[in-house]
Amino acid sequence: MTKKNQNRFWFLFVMGILAFGIMMIIWTVKQATSVPVHESNNYMLKYQMADMNINEIMELEAKFNAKYSIKLEDIEFLKLEDDAQNTNAKRAQSTPIKLNAGSNSFTYSITHNQKSVENAKVTFLLTRPHSRYDDHLEESVSYSNNHYKTKAVELTKKGRYTLQLKVEIDGLIGYSEVSAYLIDSHHR
């Protein structure tokens, strides 16, 4: 190989590596921007706010749970087959509730010493994990007949949902989070 051919080889080799590197950077950026990013809404707060105040949130929640209880009423649980259970989870999985296609409303009881609490500020959020597009937020759930009942929510998209409730009473804050599924009506 002559000196001229050897120089051309190394020039083309270096240019090929640079072109490959630039192509990989462009591909990486395209892949990263094609996947939408959704913020977490645990504790019905933005992630940053929940992260900054987690100790206070957990302390208030522990005090709330020692004094009050929140219960979701009139629900139908989804019957999962044994192989549908998440056996790989490191924490206990609660049985999800079944949602119906169309109108859904949710009834909660909030009690203190088995007596209904009527002066709570109750906020309800129906959300889908990893998305905020279908969120339904009700900032003031109405109290009637010893229960807090949400307004009707129309559901059409099959899949997993999360019912979140935030209850504020006398400076204490309690939370309820329940998994739910809207499944095909042919599924049992």
C-alpha atoms as a PDB file:
ATOM      1  CA  MET A   1       0.000   0.000   0.000  1.00  0.00           C
ATOM      2  CA  THR A   2       1.427   3.342  -0.999  1.00  0.00           C
ATOM      3  CA  LYS A   3       1.715   6.286   1.371  1.00  0.00           C
ATOM      4  CA  LYS A   4      -1.073   8.122  -0.499  1.00  0.00           C
ATOM      5  CA  ASN A   5      -3.459   5.143  -0.245  1.00  0.00           C
ATOM      6  CA  GLN A   6      -2.581   4.669   3.434  1.00  0.00           C
ATOM      7  CA  ASN A   7      -3.380   8.329   4.203  1.00  0.00           C
ATOM      8  CA  ARG A   8      -6.667   8.070   2.287  1.00  0.00           C
ATOM      9  CA  PHE A   9      -7.570   4.887   4.232  1.00  0.00           C
ATOM     10  CA  TRP A  10      -7.054   6.545   7.619  1.00  0.00           C
ATOM     11  CA  PHE A  11      -8.898   9.687   6.511  1.00  0.00           C
ATOM     12  CA  LEU A  12     -11.902   7.653   5.348  1.00  0.00           C
ATOM     13  CA  PHE A  13     -11.738   5.482   8.482  1.00  0.00           C
ATOM     14  CA  VAL A  14     -11.834   8.534  10.810  1.00  0.00           C
ATOM     15  CA  MET A  15     -14.598  10.195   8.754  1.00  0.00           C
ATOM     16  CA  GLY A  16     -16.620   6.952   8.878  1.00  0.00           C
ATOM     17  CA  ILE A  17     -16.318   6.774  12.663  1.00  0.00           C
ATOM     18  CA  LEU A  18     -17.356  10.447  12.996  1.00  0.00           C
ATOM     19  CA  ALA A  19     -20.342   9.910  10.679  1.00  0.00           C
ATOM     20  CA  PHE A  20     -21.359   6.819  12.641  1.00  0.00           C
ATOM     21  CA  GLY A  21     -21.092   8.757  15.932  1.00  0.00           C
ATOM     22  CA  ILE A  22     -23.190  11.642  14.597  1.00  0.00           C
ATOM     23  CA  MET A  23     -25.801   9.203  13.244  1.00  0.00           C
ATOM     24  CA  MET A  24     -25.992   7.473  16.661  1.00  0.00           C
ATOM     25  CA  ILE A  25     -26.470  10.835  18.419  1.00  0.00           C
ATOM     26  CA  ILE A  26     -29.292  11.755  16.034  1.00  0.00           C
ATOM     27  CA  TRP A  27     -30.907   8.321  16.478  1.00  0.00           C
ATOM     28  CA  THR A  28     -30.648   8.578  20.299  1.00  0.00           C
ATOM     29  CA  VAL A  29     -32.259  12.026  20.363  1.00  0.00           C
ATOM     30  CA  LYS A  30     -35.094  10.865  18.079  1.00  0.00           C
ATOM     31  CA  GLN A  31     -35.734   7.800  20.257  1.00  0.00           C
ATOM     32  CA  ALA A  32     -35.689   9.844  23.465  1.00  0.00           C
ATOM     33  CA  THR A  33     -38.128  12.448  22.167  1.00  0.00           C
ATOM     34  CA  SER A  34     -40.541   9.888  20.714  1.00  0.00           C
ATOM     35  CA  VAL A  35     -41.480   8.549  24.175  1.00  0.00           C
ATOM     36  CA  PRO A  36     -43.683  10.967  26.123  1.00  0.00           C
ATOM     37  CA  VAL A  37     -42.740  11.783  29.695  1.00  0.00           C
ATOM     38  CA  HIS A  38     -45.499  12.109  32.278  1.00  0.00           C
ATOM     39  CA  GLU A  39     -45.051  13.409  35.763  1.00  0.00           C
ATOM     40  CA  SER A  40     -45.903  11.289  38.752  1.00  0.00           C
ATOM     41  CA  ASN A  41     -48.852  12.520  40.763  1.00  0.00           C
ATOM     42  CA  ASN A  42     -48.444  10.573  43.999  1.00  0.00           C
ATOM     43  CA  TYR A  43     -50.151  12.280  46.925  1.00  0.00           C
ATOM     44  CA  MET A  44     -51.977  14.356  44.305  1.00  0.00           C
ATOM     45  CA  LEU A  45     -48.936  16.638  44.047  1.00  0.00           C
ATOM     46  CA  LYS A  46     -46.267  17.224  41.461  1.00  0.00           C
ATOM     47  CA  TYR A  47     -43.299  14.924  41.984  1.00  0.00           C
ATOM     48  CA  GLN A  48     -41.006  17.747  43.093  1.00  0.00           C
ATOM     49  CA  MET A  49     -43.453  18.982  45.757  1.00  0.00           C
ATOM     50  CA  ALA A  50     -44.060  15.473  47.076  1.00  0.00           C
ATOM     51  CA  ASP A  51     -40.322  14.789  47.138  1.00  0.00           C
ATOM     52  CA  MET A  52     -39.490  18.011  49.006  1.00  0.00           C
ATOM     53  CA  ASN A  53     -42.238  17.512  51.607  1.00  0.00           C
ATOM     54  CA  ILE A  54     -42.363  13.713  51.922  1.00  0.00           C
ATOM     55  CA  ASN A  55     -41.499  13.638  55.630  1.00  0.00           C
ATOM     56  CA  GLU A  56     -44.272  16.097  56.501  1.00  0.00           C
ATOM     57  CA  ILE A  57     -46.727  14.285  54.210  1.00  0.00           C
ATOM     58  CA  MET A  58     -45.999  10.914  55.799  1.00  0.00           C
ATOM     59  CA  GLU A  59     -46.205  12.348  59.332  1.00  0.00           C
ATOM     60  CA  LEU A  60     -49.595  13.970  58.674  1.00  0.00           C
ATOM     61  CA  GLU A  61     -50.837  10.805  56.978  1.00  0.00           C
ATOM     62  CA  ALA A  62     -49.786   8.637  59.952  1.00  0.00           C
ATOM     63  CA  LYS A  63     -51.606  10.970  62.368  1.00  0.00           C
ATOM     64  CA  PHE A  64     -54.656  10.955  60.089  1.00  0.00           C
ATOM     65  CA  ASN A  65     -54.707   7.146  59.836  1.00  0.00           C
ATOM     66  CA  ALA A  66     -54.471   6.834  63.620  1.00  0.00           C
ATOM     67  CA  LYS A  67     -57.610   8.936  64.012  1.00  0.00           C
ATOM     68  CA  TYR A  68     -59.723   8.481  60.848  1.00  0.00           C
ATOM     69  CA  SER A  69     -60.486   5.792  58.303  1.00  0.00           C
ATOM     70  CA  ILE A  70     -61.331   6.038  54.604  1.00  0.00           C
ATOM     71  CA  LYS A  71     -63.312   3.301  52.897  1.00  0.00           C
ATOM     72  CA  LEU A  72     -64.483   2.945  49.317  1.00  0.00           C
ATOM     73  CA  GLU A  73     -68.096   1.720  49.354  1.00  0.00           C
ATOM     74  CA  ASP A  74     -70.299  -0.237  46.924  1.00  0.00           C
ATOM     75  CA  ILE A  75     -67.538  -1.618  44.710  1.00  0.00           C
ATOM     76  CA  GLU A  76     -67.092  -4.805  42.766  1.00  0.00           C
ATOM     77  CA  PHE A  77     -63.682  -6.434  42.916  1.00  0.00           C
ATOM     78  CA  LEU A  78     -62.088  -7.804  39.793  1.00  0.00           C
ATOM     79  CA  LYS A  79     -61.582 -11.555  39.978  1.00  0.00           C
ATOM     80  CA  LEU A  80     -58.087 -12.342  38.775  1.00  0.00           C
ATOM     81  CA  GLU A  81     -57.029 -15.802  37.754  1.00  0.00           C
ATOM     82  CA  ASP A  82     -54.072 -17.238  39.671  1.00  0.00           C
ATOM     83  CA  ASP A  83     -51.724 -16.801  36.716  1.00  0.00           C
ATOM     84  CA  ALA A  84     -52.825 -13.166  36.333  1.00  0.00           C
ATOM     85  CA  GLN A  85     -51.530 -12.274  39.798  1.00  0.00           C
ATOM     86  CA  ASN A  86     -48.239 -10.407  39.849  1.00  0.00           C
ATOM     87  CA  THR A  87     -45.987 -13.000  41.468  1.00  0.00           C
ATOM     88  CA  ASN A  88     -42.849 -10.949  40.805  1.00  0.00           C
ATOM     89  CA  ALA A  89     -43.861  -8.007  43.007  1.00  0.00           C
ATOM     90  CA  LYS A  90     -41.925  -7.521  46.200  1.00  0.00           C
ATOM     91  CA  ARG A  91     -44.947  -6.025  47.968  1.00  0.00           C
ATOM     92  CA  ALA A  92     -48.463  -7.294  48.446  1.00  0.00           C
ATOM     93  CA  GLN A  93     -50.794  -6.464  45.597  1.00  0.00           C
ATOM     94  CA  SER A  94     -54.327  -5.426  46.489  1.00  0.00           C
ATOM     95  CA  THR A  95     -57.233  -6.754  44.499  1.00  0.00           C
ATOM     96  CA  PRO A  96     -58.260  -4.108  41.953  1.00  0.00           C
ATOM     97  CA  ILE A  97     -61.820  -2.937  41.568  1.00  0.00           C
ATOM     98  CA  LYS A  98     -63.842  -3.335  38.416  1.00  0.00           C
ATOM     99  CA  LEU A  99     -64.909  -0.273  36.451  1.00  0.00           C
ATOM    100  CA  ASN A 100     -67.777  -0.192  34.005  1.00  0.00           C
ATOM    101  CA  ALA A 101     -67.718   1.237  30.506  1.00  0.00           C
ATOM    102  CA  GLY A 102     -69.768   4.417  30.622  1.00  0.00           C
ATOM    103  CA  SER A 103     -70.767   6.287  33.754  1.00  0.00           C
ATOM    104  CA  ASN A 104     -68.924   5.573  37.038  1.00  0.00           C
ATOM    105  CA  SER A 105     -69.372   7.249  40.407  1.00  0.00           C
ATOM    106  CA  PHE A 106     -67.519   6.469  43.622  1.00  0.00           C
ATOM    107  CA  THR A 107     -68.757   6.577  47.206  1.00  0.00           C
ATOM    108  CA  TYR A 108     -66.415   6.946  50.171  1.00  0.00           C
ATOM    109  CA  SER A 109     -67.060   6.817  53.889  1.00  0.00           C
ATOM    110  CA  ILE A 110     -64.797   8.757  56.203  1.00  0.00           C
ATOM    111  CA  THR A 111     -65.182   7.844  59.848  1.00  0.00           C
ATOM    112  CA  HIS A 112     -63.822   8.712  63.273  1.00  0.00           C
ATOM    113  CA  ASN A 113     -64.697   6.219  66.059  1.00  0.00           C
ATOM    114  CA  GLN A 114     -67.283   4.586  63.745  1.00  0.00           C
ATOM    115  CA  LYS A 115     -69.043   7.966  63.276  1.00  0.00           C
ATOM    116  CA  SER A 116     -69.245   9.665  59.908  1.00  0.00           C
ATOM    117  CA  VAL A 117     -67.152  12.812  59.445  1.00  0.00           C
ATOM    118  CA  GLU A 118     -68.995  15.504  57.522  1.00  0.00           C
ATOM    119  CA  ASN A 119     -66.607  18.477  57.659  1.00  0.00           C
ATOM    120  CA  ALA A 120     -63.760  17.051  55.578  1.00  0.00           C
ATOM    121  CA  LYS A 121     -62.297  18.698  52.502  1.00  0.00           C
ATOM    122  CA  VAL A 122     -62.257  15.840  50.010  1.00  0.00           C
ATOM    123  CA  THR A 123     -60.474  15.870  46.647  1.00  0.00           C
ATOM    124  CA  PHE A 124     -60.825  13.020  44.125  1.00  0.00           C
ATOM    125  CA  LEU A 125     -58.598  12.153  41.168  1.00  0.00           C
ATOM    126  CA  LEU A 126     -59.233   9.414  38.628  1.00  0.00           C
ATOM    127  CA  THR A 127     -56.049   8.899  36.638  1.00  0.00           C
ATOM    128  CA  ARG A 128     -54.298   6.412  34.413  1.00  0.00           C
ATOM    129  CA  PRO A 129     -50.756   5.392  35.307  1.00  0.00           C
ATOM    130  CA  HIS A 130     -48.109   6.988  33.096  1.00  0.00           C
ATOM    131  CA  SER A 131     -50.548   9.484  31.590  1.00  0.00           C
ATOM    132  CA  ARG A 132     -52.301  12.646  32.674  1.00  0.00           C
ATOM    133  CA  TYR A 133     -54.378  13.125  29.528  1.00  0.00           C
ATOM    134  CA  ASP A 134     -57.422  11.280  30.874  1.00  0.00           C
ATOM    135  CA  ASP A 135     -57.299  12.677  34.421  1.00  0.00           C
ATOM    136  CA  HIS A 136     -60.573  13.600  36.070  1.00  0.00           C
ATOM    137  CA  LEU A 137     -60.095  15.882  39.088  1.00  0.00           C
ATOM    138  CA  GLU A 138     -62.913  16.808  41.443  1.00  0.00           C
ATOM    139  CA  GLU A 139     -61.650  19.348  43.956  1.00  0.00           C
ATOM    140  CA  SER A 140     -64.650  19.322  46.266  1.00  0.00           C
ATOM    141  CA  VAL A 141     -66.485  16.024  46.642  1.00  0.00           C
ATOM    142  CA  SER A 142     -70.001  16.525  48.038  1.00  0.00           C
ATOM    143  CA  TYR A 143     -71.204  15.033  51.335  1.00  0.00           C
ATOM    144  CA  SER A 144     -74.635  13.439  51.578  1.00  0.00           C
ATOM    145  CA  ASN A 145     -76.205  10.613  53.631  1.00  0.00           C
ATOM    146  CA  ASN A 146     -73.025   9.984  55.664  1.00  0.00           C
ATOM    147  CA  HIS A 147     -70.931   9.516  52.505  1.00  0.00           C
ATOM    148  CA  TYR A 148     -68.809  11.491  50.080  1.00  0.00           C
ATOM    149  CA  LYS A 149     -69.898  10.776  46.508  1.00  0.00           C
ATOM    150  CA  THR A 150     -68.047  11.824  43.372  1.00  0.00           C
ATOM    151  CA  LYS A 151     -69.724  13.129  40.267  1.00  0.00           C
ATOM    152  CA  ALA A 152     -70.219  10.632  37.449  1.00  0.00           C
ATOM    153  CA  VAL A 153     -67.185  10.046  35.233  1.00  0.00           C
ATOM    154  CA  GLU A 154     -67.527   8.659  31.712  1.00  0.00           C
ATOM    155  CA  LEU A 155     -64.962   5.949  30.960  1.00  0.00           C
ATOM    156  CA  THR A 156     -64.432   4.429  27.541  1.00  0.00           C
ATOM    157  CA  LYS A 157     -60.760   3.469  27.365  1.00  0.00           C
ATOM    158  CA  LYS A 158     -59.981  -0.046  28.542  1.00  0.00           C
ATOM    159  CA  GLY A 159     -57.054  -0.499  30.883  1.00  0.00           C
ATOM    160  CA  ARG A 160     -55.709   0.357  34.296  1.00  0.00           C
ATOM    161  CA  TYR A 161     -56.863   3.337  36.334  1.00  0.00           C
ATOM    162  CA  THR A 162     -56.065   4.638  39.792  1.00  0.00           C
ATOM    163  CA  LEU A 163     -58.627   6.162  42.141  1.00  0.00           C
ATOM    164  CA  GLN A 164     -56.957   8.692  44.432  1.00  0.00           C
ATOM    165  CA  LEU A 165     -58.633  10.471  47.315  1.00  0.00           C
ATOM    166  CA  LYS A 166     -57.143  13.208  49.476  1.00  0.00           C
ATOM    167  CA  VAL A 167     -58.940  14.066  52.719  1.00  0.00           C
ATOM    168  CA  GLU A 168     -58.101  17.097  54.868  1.00  0.00           C
ATOM    169  CA  ILE A 169     -59.532  17.349  58.401  1.00  0.00           C
ATOM    170  CA  ASP A 170     -58.270  19.766  61.072  1.00  0.00           C
ATOM    171  CA  GLY A 171     -54.802  20.101  59.527  1.00  0.00           C
ATOM    172  CA  LEU A 172     -54.363  16.349  59.027  1.00  0.00           C
ATOM    173  CA  ILE A 173     -54.235  14.850  55.553  1.00  0.00           C
ATOM    174  CA  GLY A 174     -55.119  11.296  54.588  1.00  0.00           C
ATOM    175  CA  TYR A 175     -54.853   9.522  51.270  1.00  0.00           C
ATOM    176  CA  SER A 176     -56.503   6.581  49.587  1.00  0.00           C
ATOM    177  CA  GLU A 177     -55.188   5.028  46.401  1.00  0.00           C
ATOM    178  CA  VAL A 178     -56.974   2.099  44.780  1.00  0.00           C
ATOM    179  CA  SER A 179     -56.139   0.305  41.528  1.00  0.00           C
ATOM    180  CA  ALA A 180     -58.995  -0.298  39.129  1.00  0.00           C
ATOM    181  CA  TYR A 181     -59.468  -1.777  35.682  1.00  0.00           C
ATOM    182  CA  LEU A 182     -61.900  -1.177  32.874  1.00  0.00           C
ATOM    183  CA  ILE A 183     -61.909  -4.448  30.974  1.00  0.00           C
ATOM    184  CA  ASP A 184     -63.667  -5.812  27.961  1.00  0.00           C
ATOM    185  CA  SER A 185     -67.262  -6.712  28.815  1.00  0.00           C
ATOM    186  CA  HIS A 186     -66.687 -10.228  27.431  1.00  0.00           C
ATOM    187  CA  HIS A 187     -63.911 -10.882  30.001  1.00  0.00           C
ATOM    188  CA  ARG A 188     -64.899 -12.503  33.272  1.00  0.00           C
END
